[in-house]
Amino acid sequence: MINFNFNIRIPGSNHFENIRVWHGSLPVAYKHWELQIYFSADIIDVRAEITAKQSHSGVRLCLGLLGFNVDFNVYDTRHWADGKWVSSDPA
């Protein structure tokens, strides 16, 4: 896993207000995407994650400025258990 995170928040606030979410599947088995826009208590939020061999692994990029945040995620819908992929839905 590679994880980069820089965040400055308003102290004592846990404000979160979802604005809109879009999501869908990719033309590759078990891969989906999600784009979320929301308001939060973040003054600055910069996040980048790359994960593998764990449940819902994939790539995520989050950017936020003055409470307005955009979060984009491409992920695997399967779960990682006992060193192998486990899926309850057909590809």
Protein backbone atom coordinates (compact mmCIF):
# COMPACT_ATOMS: atom_id res chain seq x y z
CA MET A 1 0.00 0.00 0.00
CA ILE A 2 1.17 3.51 -0.84
CA ASN A 3 -0.54 6.31 1.06
CA PHE A 4 0.04 10.08 0.98
CA ASN A 5 -2.12 12.34 3.13
CA PHE A 6 -1.93 16.05 3.99
CA ASN A 7 -4.88 17.50 5.88
CA ILE A 8 -5.69 20.66 7.84
CA ARG A 9 -9.12 20.66 9.51
CA ILE A 10 -11.20 23.15 11.46
CA PRO A 11 -10.50 22.17 15.10
CA GLY A 12 -13.47 20.56 16.85
CA SER A 13 -15.63 20.31 13.75
CA ASN A 14 -16.90 17.10 12.16
CA HIS A 15 -19.03 18.77 9.47
CA PHE A 16 -19.86 16.58 6.47
CA GLU A 17 -22.47 17.24 3.79
CA ASN A 18 -22.70 15.06 0.71
CA ILE A 19 -23.42 16.99 -2.50
CA ARG A 20 -23.38 14.33 -5.21
CA VAL A 21 -22.07 10.84 -5.97
CA TRP A 22 -21.62 9.22 -9.37
CA HIS A 23 -20.55 5.60 -9.79
CA GLY A 24 -20.38 2.83 -12.34
CA SER A 25 -18.58 -0.23 -13.56
CA LEU A 26 -15.56 -0.44 -15.83
CA PRO A 27 -15.23 -2.82 -18.80
CA VAL A 28 -12.86 -4.96 -16.70
CA ALA A 29 -14.25 -7.70 -14.42
CA TYR A 30 -14.85 -6.62 -10.80
CA LYS A 31 -13.65 -3.03 -11.35
CA HIS A 32 -15.83 -0.03 -10.48
CA TRP A 33 -15.39 3.73 -10.16
CA GLU A 34 -16.88 6.40 -7.93
CA LEU A 35 -16.75 10.21 -7.94
CA GLN A 36 -18.01 12.05 -4.87
CA ILE A 37 -18.33 15.77 -4.20
CA TYR A 38 -18.97 16.95 -0.65
CA PHE A 39 -18.50 19.71 1.94
CA SER A 40 -16.41 18.96 5.03
CA ALA A 41 -14.46 20.56 7.86
CA ASP A 42 -11.25 20.33 5.82
CA ILE A 43 -9.40 23.55 5.09
CA ILE A 44 -6.91 21.65 2.92
CA ASP A 45 -7.09 17.96 2.04
CA VAL A 46 -4.74 16.17 -0.35
CA ARG A 47 -4.81 12.37 -0.38
CA ALA A 48 -3.50 9.70 -2.74
CA GLU A 49 -3.73 5.96 -2.08
CA ILE A 50 -2.77 2.86 -4.02
CA THR A 51 -3.69 -0.47 -2.43
CA ALA A 52 -3.34 -4.11 -3.48
CA LYS A 53 -4.17 -7.54 -2.05
CA GLN A 54 -6.77 -6.21 0.37
CA SER A 55 -10.55 -5.84 0.23
CA HIS A 56 -11.68 -3.20 -2.30
CA SER A 57 -8.11 -2.40 -3.36
CA GLY A 58 -7.47 0.20 -6.02
CA VAL A 59 -6.53 3.85 -6.54
CA ARG A 60 -8.02 6.85 -4.74
CA LEU A 61 -7.37 10.57 -5.16
CA CYS A 62 -8.96 13.19 -2.90
CA LEU A 63 -8.58 16.96 -3.16
CA GLY A 64 -10.18 19.54 -0.91
CA LEU A 65 -9.94 23.28 -0.37
CA LEU A 66 -11.91 25.45 2.06
CA GLY A 67 -14.45 22.72 2.78
CA PHE A 68 -15.17 21.74 -0.83
CA ASN A 69 -13.89 18.22 -1.55
CA VAL A 70 -13.68 15.92 -4.59
CA ASP A 71 -12.96 12.21 -4.11
CA PHE A 72 -12.28 9.86 -7.06
CA ASN A 73 -11.89 6.12 -6.54
CA VAL A 74 -11.29 3.14 -8.86
CA TYR A 75 -11.61 -0.09 -6.89
CA ASP A 76 -12.07 -3.85 -6.98
CA THR A 77 -15.43 -5.07 -5.68
CA ARG A 78 -14.00 -8.33 -4.34
CA HIS A 79 -12.76 -9.10 -0.84
CA TRP A 80 -9.32 -10.44 0.02
CA ALA A 81 -9.45 -13.41 2.42
CA ASP A 82 -6.90 -16.10 3.24
CA GLY A 83 -4.54 -14.95 0.47
CA LYS A 84 -7.08 -15.09 -2.38
CA TRP A 85 -9.89 -13.06 -3.94
CA VAL A 86 -13.42 -13.87 -2.80
CA SER A 87 -16.48 -12.65 -4.69
CA SER A 88 -20.18 -13.16 -4.10
CA ASP A 89 -21.22 -11.73 -7.47
CA PRO A 90 -20.48 -13.11 -10.96
CA ALA A 91 -18.12 -11.10 -13.18
